[in-house]
């Protein structure tokens, strides 16, 4: 089987998140090891879509009105990884949220994301939430 371009999976992830496309999120993140940066409100390592939704997506939706994660650039790193650089936006309870992020993803030959690691300024994110 020919390996997929990891940037295709990364682009599909952001599009599915923005559209609320649960079927695509399930396909991409079914067994993913998802690492939120230390110090983030949702920081830690989460496994599989159900836990990611419970520990990350759900709380973000509750805490940040109009939350978006929009990449400015997605680049391939080797044959199986993609790096996305972009900005989180939304409205926290204390102030508007505008925080830069980097997401490093490892993609399997079938296009699923096996590993996802977030890098972000946890102080700015927490400040927007009033934490």
N, C-alpha and C. Protein backbone atom coordinates (compact mmCIF):
# COMPACT_ATOMS: atom_id res chain seq x y z
N UNK A 1 0.85 -1.19 0.00
CA UNK A 1 0.00 0.00 0.00
C UNK A 1 0.89 1.24 0.00
N UNK A 2 0.55 2.20 -0.81
CA UNK A 2 1.31 3.44 -0.87
C UNK A 2 0.92 4.36 0.27
N UNK A 3 1.93 4.94 0.90
CA UNK A 3 1.67 5.85 2.02
C UNK A 3 0.92 7.09 1.54
N UNK A 4 0.08 7.60 2.40
CA UNK A 4 -0.66 8.82 2.07
C UNK A 4 0.19 10.03 2.43
N UNK A 5 -0.14 11.17 1.86
CA UNK A 5 0.53 12.42 2.21
C UNK A 5 0.00 12.83 3.58
N UNK A 6 0.87 12.97 4.59
CA UNK A 6 0.37 13.30 5.93
C UNK A 6 -0.34 14.65 6.01
N UNK A 7 -0.04 15.56 5.09
CA UNK A 7 -0.72 16.85 5.12
C UNK A 7 -2.19 16.70 4.75
N UNK A 8 -2.53 15.69 3.94
CA UNK A 8 -3.93 15.45 3.59
C UNK A 8 -4.74 15.10 4.84
N UNK A 9 -4.17 14.24 5.69
CA UNK A 9 -4.87 13.86 6.93
C UNK A 9 -5.01 15.05 7.86
N UNK A 10 -3.96 15.86 7.96
CA UNK A 10 -4.01 17.04 8.81
C UNK A 10 -5.09 18.01 8.32
N UNK A 11 -5.12 18.26 7.02
CA UNK A 11 -6.14 19.16 6.46
C UNK A 11 -7.53 18.60 6.71
N UNK A 12 -7.69 17.29 6.56
CA UNK A 12 -8.99 16.66 6.80
C UNK A 12 -9.41 16.80 8.26
N UNK A 13 -8.45 16.73 9.18
CA UNK A 13 -8.75 16.89 10.60
C UNK A 13 -9.33 18.27 10.90
N UNK A 14 -8.69 19.33 10.41
CA UNK A 14 -9.18 20.69 10.69
C UNK A 14 -10.53 20.93 10.01
N UNK A 15 -10.71 20.41 8.80
CA UNK A 15 -11.99 20.58 8.10
C UNK A 15 -13.10 19.85 8.85
N UNK A 16 -12.82 18.64 9.33
CA UNK A 16 -13.83 17.86 10.07
C UNK A 16 -14.17 18.53 11.39
N UNK A 17 -13.16 19.05 12.08
CA UNK A 17 -13.40 19.74 13.34
C UNK A 17 -14.29 20.96 13.11
N UNK A 18 -13.97 21.75 12.08
CA UNK A 18 -14.74 22.97 11.79
C UNK A 18 -16.17 22.65 11.41
N UNK A 19 -16.38 21.53 10.70
CA UNK A 19 -17.72 21.16 10.23
C UNK A 19 -18.49 20.31 11.22
N UNK A 20 -17.84 19.88 12.31
CA UNK A 20 -18.50 18.99 13.25
C UNK A 20 -18.76 17.62 12.63
N UNK A 21 -17.88 17.18 11.76
CA UNK A 21 -18.02 15.92 11.03
C UNK A 21 -17.49 14.76 11.87
N UNK A 22 -18.38 14.19 12.66
CA UNK A 22 -18.00 13.12 13.58
C UNK A 22 -17.49 11.87 12.89
N UNK A 23 -18.04 11.54 11.72
CA UNK A 23 -17.60 10.33 11.01
C UNK A 23 -16.14 10.46 10.59
N UNK A 24 -15.75 11.61 10.07
CA UNK A 24 -14.35 11.81 9.66
C UNK A 24 -13.45 11.88 10.88
N UNK A 25 -13.89 12.55 11.94
CA UNK A 25 -13.09 12.59 13.16
C UNK A 25 -12.87 11.18 13.71
N UNK A 26 -13.90 10.36 13.67
CA UNK A 26 -13.78 8.98 14.14
C UNK A 26 -12.78 8.20 13.31
N UNK A 27 -12.83 8.38 12.00
CA UNK A 27 -11.89 7.68 11.11
C UNK A 27 -10.46 8.14 11.37
N UNK A 28 -10.26 9.44 11.54
CA UNK A 28 -8.91 9.98 11.71
C UNK A 28 -8.34 9.76 13.10
N UNK A 29 -9.20 9.81 14.14
CA UNK A 29 -8.72 9.83 15.53
C UNK A 29 -9.15 8.64 16.36
N UNK A 30 -9.66 7.60 15.75
CA UNK A 30 -10.20 6.48 16.49
C UNK A 30 -9.30 5.93 17.59
N UNK A 31 -8.01 5.79 17.31
CA UNK A 31 -7.07 5.22 18.29
C UNK A 31 -5.89 6.16 18.57
N UNK A 32 -6.04 7.41 18.26
CA UNK A 32 -4.95 8.38 18.38
C UNK A 32 -4.48 8.58 19.82
N UNK A 33 -3.17 8.73 19.97
CA UNK A 33 -2.57 9.20 21.23
C UNK A 33 -2.46 10.72 21.07
N UNK A 34 -3.25 11.46 21.86
CA UNK A 34 -3.40 12.92 21.73
C UNK A 34 -2.76 13.57 22.96
N UNK A 35 -1.76 14.40 22.75
CA UNK A 35 -1.05 15.05 23.85
C UNK A 35 -1.32 16.54 23.83
N UNK A 36 -2.04 17.01 24.85
CA UNK A 36 -2.25 18.44 25.05
C UNK A 36 -1.10 18.96 25.90
N UNK A 37 -0.60 20.14 25.57
CA UNK A 37 0.57 20.71 26.24
C UNK A 37 0.38 20.81 27.75
N UNK A 38 1.45 20.56 28.46
CA UNK A 38 1.46 20.71 29.91
C UNK A 38 1.10 22.15 30.25
N UNK A 39 0.25 22.33 31.23
CA UNK A 39 -0.18 23.67 31.63
C UNK A 39 -1.46 24.13 30.97
N UNK A 40 -1.87 23.46 29.90
CA UNK A 40 -3.14 23.80 29.26
C UNK A 40 -4.27 23.30 30.16
N UNK A 41 -5.44 23.94 30.09
CA UNK A 41 -6.57 23.49 30.92
C UNK A 41 -6.92 22.02 30.67
N UNK A 42 -6.62 21.52 29.48
CA UNK A 42 -6.98 20.15 29.11
C UNK A 42 -5.71 19.32 28.93
N UNK A 43 -4.61 19.76 29.55
CA UNK A 43 -3.30 19.14 29.38
C UNK A 43 -3.27 17.69 29.80
N UNK A 44 -2.42 16.94 29.11
CA UNK A 44 -2.23 15.54 29.42
C UNK A 44 -2.30 14.70 28.15
N UNK A 45 -2.21 13.40 28.34
CA UNK A 45 -2.24 12.46 27.23
C UNK A 45 -3.58 11.74 27.23
N UNK A 46 -4.22 11.73 26.09
CA UNK A 46 -5.54 11.13 25.93
C UNK A 46 -5.47 10.11 24.79
N UNK A 47 -6.25 9.02 24.91
CA UNK A 47 -6.18 7.94 23.93
C UNK A 47 -7.54 7.67 23.31
N UNK A 48 -7.62 7.77 22.00
CA UNK A 48 -8.83 7.46 21.27
C UNK A 48 -9.83 8.60 21.26
N UNK A 49 -10.69 8.58 20.26
CA UNK A 49 -11.63 9.68 20.05
C UNK A 49 -12.55 9.92 21.24
N UNK A 50 -13.08 8.88 21.85
CA UNK A 50 -14.01 9.07 22.97
C UNK A 50 -13.36 9.87 24.09
N UNK A 51 -12.13 9.53 24.44
CA UNK A 51 -11.44 10.25 25.51
C UNK A 51 -11.05 11.66 25.08
N UNK A 52 -10.67 11.82 23.81
CA UNK A 52 -10.32 13.16 23.30
C UNK A 52 -11.54 14.07 23.36
N UNK A 53 -12.69 13.56 22.97
CA UNK A 53 -13.93 14.34 23.03
C UNK A 53 -14.26 14.69 24.48
N UNK A 54 -14.17 13.69 25.36
CA UNK A 54 -14.51 13.88 26.77
C UNK A 54 -13.56 14.84 27.50
N UNK A 55 -12.28 14.75 27.21
CA UNK A 55 -11.28 15.51 27.97
C UNK A 55 -10.80 16.78 27.28
N UNK A 56 -11.02 16.90 25.96
CA UNK A 56 -10.50 18.07 25.23
C UNK A 56 -11.61 18.81 24.48
N UNK A 57 -12.18 18.17 23.46
CA UNK A 57 -13.15 18.87 22.60
C UNK A 57 -14.37 19.36 23.39
N UNK A 58 -14.94 18.51 24.23
CA UNK A 58 -16.11 18.90 25.02
C UNK A 58 -15.83 20.07 25.93
N UNK A 59 -14.77 19.99 26.76
CA UNK A 59 -14.45 21.12 27.63
C UNK A 59 -14.13 22.41 26.87
N UNK A 60 -13.43 22.31 25.75
CA UNK A 60 -13.15 23.53 24.98
C UNK A 60 -14.46 24.14 24.50
N UNK A 61 -15.36 23.32 23.99
CA UNK A 61 -16.66 23.82 23.53
C UNK A 61 -17.44 24.50 24.64
N UNK A 62 -17.30 24.00 25.86
CA UNK A 62 -17.97 24.59 27.02
C UNK A 62 -17.29 25.88 27.47
N UNK A 63 -15.96 25.92 27.39
CA UNK A 63 -15.19 27.03 27.95
C UNK A 63 -14.93 28.19 27.00
N UNK A 64 -14.97 27.92 25.69
CA UNK A 64 -14.59 28.95 24.71
C UNK A 64 -15.69 29.05 23.65
N UNK A 65 -16.45 30.14 23.70
CA UNK A 65 -17.51 30.36 22.70
C UNK A 65 -16.88 30.60 21.34
N UNK A 66 -17.43 29.95 20.32
CA UNK A 66 -16.96 30.16 18.95
C UNK A 66 -15.54 29.68 18.71
N UNK A 67 -15.10 28.66 19.45
CA UNK A 67 -13.71 28.19 19.34
C UNK A 67 -13.39 27.70 17.93
N UNK A 68 -12.24 28.14 17.41
CA UNK A 68 -11.71 27.63 16.16
C UNK A 68 -10.23 27.34 16.32
N UNK A 69 -9.75 26.39 15.56
CA UNK A 69 -8.32 26.09 15.46
C UNK A 69 -8.01 26.08 13.97
N UNK A 70 -7.47 27.17 13.48
CA UNK A 70 -7.28 27.33 12.04
C UNK A 70 -5.78 27.37 11.72
N UNK A 71 -5.33 26.40 10.92
CA UNK A 71 -3.91 26.40 10.55
C UNK A 71 -3.63 27.44 9.47
N UNK A 72 -2.48 28.09 9.59
CA UNK A 72 -2.00 28.99 8.54
C UNK A 72 -1.17 28.22 7.52
N UNK A 73 -0.51 27.18 8.03
CA UNK A 73 0.39 26.40 7.18
C UNK A 73 0.45 24.97 7.71
N UNK A 74 0.48 24.03 6.79
CA UNK A 74 0.67 22.62 7.13
C UNK A 74 1.78 22.10 6.22
N UNK A 75 2.83 21.56 6.82
CA UNK A 75 3.96 21.05 6.05
C UNK A 75 4.25 19.60 6.42
N UNK A 76 4.71 18.85 5.43
CA UNK A 76 5.12 17.47 5.68
C UNK A 76 6.51 17.46 6.29
N UNK A 77 6.70 16.54 7.22
CA UNK A 77 8.01 16.29 7.80
C UNK A 77 8.28 14.81 7.56
N UNK A 78 9.06 14.53 6.55
CA UNK A 78 9.28 13.14 6.17
C UNK A 78 8.02 12.57 5.54
N UNK A 79 7.96 11.24 5.52
CA UNK A 79 6.87 10.55 4.84
C UNK A 79 5.62 10.39 5.68
N UNK A 80 5.76 10.53 7.03
CA UNK A 80 4.61 10.17 7.87
C UNK A 80 4.24 11.21 8.92
N UNK A 81 4.80 12.40 8.85
CA UNK A 81 4.43 13.41 9.84
C UNK A 81 4.07 14.73 9.17
N UNK A 82 3.21 15.48 9.84
CA UNK A 82 2.81 16.81 9.37
C UNK A 82 2.87 17.77 10.55
N UNK A 83 3.27 18.99 10.27
CA UNK A 83 3.30 20.05 11.27
C UNK A 83 2.36 21.15 10.82
N UNK A 84 1.41 21.48 11.68
CA UNK A 84 0.47 22.56 11.40
C UNK A 84 0.78 23.71 12.36
N UNK A 85 0.79 24.92 11.82
CA UNK A 85 1.01 26.12 12.63
C UNK A 85 -0.18 27.05 12.36
N UNK A 86 -0.81 27.51 13.44
CA UNK A 86 -1.99 28.33 13.26
C UNK A 86 -2.37 29.07 14.52
N UNK A 87 -3.66 29.40 14.63
CA UNK A 87 -4.15 30.22 15.73
C UNK A 87 -5.48 29.67 16.25
N UNK A 88 -5.56 29.57 17.57
CA UNK A 88 -6.84 29.31 18.24
C UNK A 88 -7.53 30.65 18.42
N UNK A 89 -8.84 30.68 18.17
CA UNK A 89 -9.63 31.89 18.41
C UNK A 89 -10.96 31.52 19.04
N UNK A 90 -11.53 32.47 19.73
CA UNK A 90 -12.83 32.30 20.34
C UNK A 90 -12.98 33.32 21.44
N UNK A 91 -13.99 33.14 22.28
CA UNK A 91 -14.23 34.06 23.39
C UNK A 91 -14.26 33.27 24.69
N UNK A 92 -13.26 33.52 25.54
CA UNK A 92 -13.23 32.90 26.85
C UNK A 92 -14.09 33.69 27.81
N UNK A 93 -14.20 33.21 29.03
CA UNK A 93 -15.03 33.90 30.02
C UNK A 93 -14.42 35.22 30.46
N UNK A 94 -13.09 35.39 30.32
CA UNK A 94 -12.43 36.61 30.79
C UNK A 94 -12.08 37.57 29.66
N UNK A 95 -11.75 37.04 28.49
CA UNK A 95 -11.33 37.89 27.37
C UNK A 95 -11.30 37.06 26.10
N UNK A 96 -11.19 37.75 24.95
CA UNK A 96 -11.09 37.01 23.69
C UNK A 96 -9.83 36.12 23.69
N UNK A 97 -9.95 35.00 23.03
CA UNK A 97 -8.86 34.05 22.91
C UNK A 97 -8.23 34.19 21.53
N UNK A 98 -6.94 34.41 21.50
CA UNK A 98 -6.16 34.40 20.26
C UNK A 98 -4.77 33.90 20.63
N UNK A 99 -4.56 32.59 20.42
CA UNK A 99 -3.33 31.93 20.85
C UNK A 99 -2.76 31.13 19.69
N UNK A 100 -1.50 31.33 19.41
CA UNK A 100 -0.82 30.57 18.36
C UNK A 100 -0.61 29.13 18.82
N UNK A 101 -0.63 28.20 17.85
CA UNK A 101 -0.37 26.80 18.15
C UNK A 101 0.52 26.17 17.10
N UNK A 102 1.13 25.06 17.49
CA UNK A 102 1.78 24.14 16.56
C UNK A 102 1.27 22.75 16.93
N UNK A 103 0.90 21.99 15.93
CA UNK A 103 0.43 20.62 16.12
C UNK A 103 1.30 19.69 15.28
N UNK A 104 1.90 18.71 15.92
CA UNK A 104 2.72 17.72 15.23
C UNK A 104 1.94 16.42 15.18
N UNK A 105 1.72 15.90 13.98
CA UNK A 105 0.92 14.69 13.79
C UNK A 105 1.73 13.62 13.08
N UNK A 106 1.58 12.38 13.54
CA UNK A 106 2.12 11.22 12.85
C UNK A 106 0.95 10.48 12.22
N UNK A 107 1.10 10.13 10.96
CA UNK A 107 0.01 9.55 10.18
C UNK A 107 0.40 8.15 9.70
N UNK A 108 -0.51 7.20 9.86
CA UNK A 108 -0.30 5.82 9.41
C UNK A 108 -0.51 5.73 7.90
N UNK A 109 -0.14 4.59 7.31
CA UNK A 109 -0.28 4.39 5.86
C UNK A 109 -1.72 4.51 5.36
N UNK A 110 -2.69 4.29 6.25
CA UNK A 110 -4.09 4.39 5.83
C UNK A 110 -4.66 5.79 6.04
N UNK A 111 -3.83 6.72 6.49
CA UNK A 111 -4.29 8.10 6.67
C UNK A 111 -4.77 8.44 8.06
N UNK A 112 -4.83 7.45 8.97
CA UNK A 112 -5.25 7.77 10.33
C UNK A 112 -4.11 8.47 11.07
N UNK A 113 -4.48 9.30 12.01
CA UNK A 113 -3.50 10.03 12.82
C UNK A 113 -3.24 9.19 14.06
N UNK A 114 -2.01 8.68 14.17
CA UNK A 114 -1.68 7.80 15.29
C UNK A 114 -1.21 8.59 16.51
N UNK A 115 -0.56 9.73 16.26
CA UNK A 115 -0.06 10.58 17.34
C UNK A 115 -0.30 12.03 16.99
N UNK A 116 -0.71 12.80 18.00
CA UNK A 116 -0.97 14.23 17.86
C UNK A 116 -0.36 14.91 19.08
N UNK A 117 0.49 15.90 18.86
CA UNK A 117 1.06 16.63 19.99
C UNK A 117 0.88 18.13 19.78
N UNK A 118 0.33 18.78 20.80
CA UNK A 118 0.05 20.21 20.76
C UNK A 118 1.16 20.99 21.46
N UNK A 119 1.52 22.12 20.87
CA UNK A 119 2.42 23.09 21.48
C UNK A 119 1.69 24.43 21.45
N UNK A 120 1.51 25.06 22.61
CA UNK A 120 0.77 26.33 22.67
C UNK A 120 1.14 27.07 23.94
N UNK A 121 0.85 28.36 23.96
CA UNK A 121 1.11 29.20 25.13
C UNK A 121 -0.02 29.00 26.14
N UNK A 122 0.23 28.15 27.12
CA UNK A 122 -0.82 27.82 28.10
C UNK A 122 -1.21 29.03 28.95
N UNK A 123 -0.29 29.93 29.20
CA UNK A 123 -0.60 31.12 30.00
C UNK A 123 -1.65 31.98 29.30
N UNK A 124 -1.45 32.26 28.02
CA UNK A 124 -2.42 33.07 27.27
C UNK A 124 -3.78 32.38 27.21
N UNK A 125 -3.76 31.06 27.02
CA UNK A 125 -5.03 30.32 26.92
C UNK A 125 -5.77 30.40 28.25
N UNK A 126 -5.08 30.14 29.35
CA UNK A 126 -5.71 30.18 30.67
C UNK A 126 -6.20 31.59 31.02
N UNK A 127 -5.45 32.60 30.62
CA UNK A 127 -5.85 33.98 30.91
C UNK A 127 -7.19 34.31 30.25
N UNK A 128 -7.38 33.84 29.02
CA UNK A 128 -8.65 34.08 28.33
C UNK A 128 -9.81 33.41 29.06
N UNK A 129 -9.52 32.31 29.74
CA UNK A 129 -10.56 31.59 30.49
C UNK A 129 -10.75 32.14 31.90
N UNK A 130 -9.92 33.09 32.29
CA UNK A 130 -10.01 33.66 33.62
C UNK A 130 -9.38 32.77 34.68
N UNK A 131 -8.50 31.87 34.26
CA UNK A 131 -7.84 30.94 35.20
C UNK A 131 -6.49 31.46 35.65
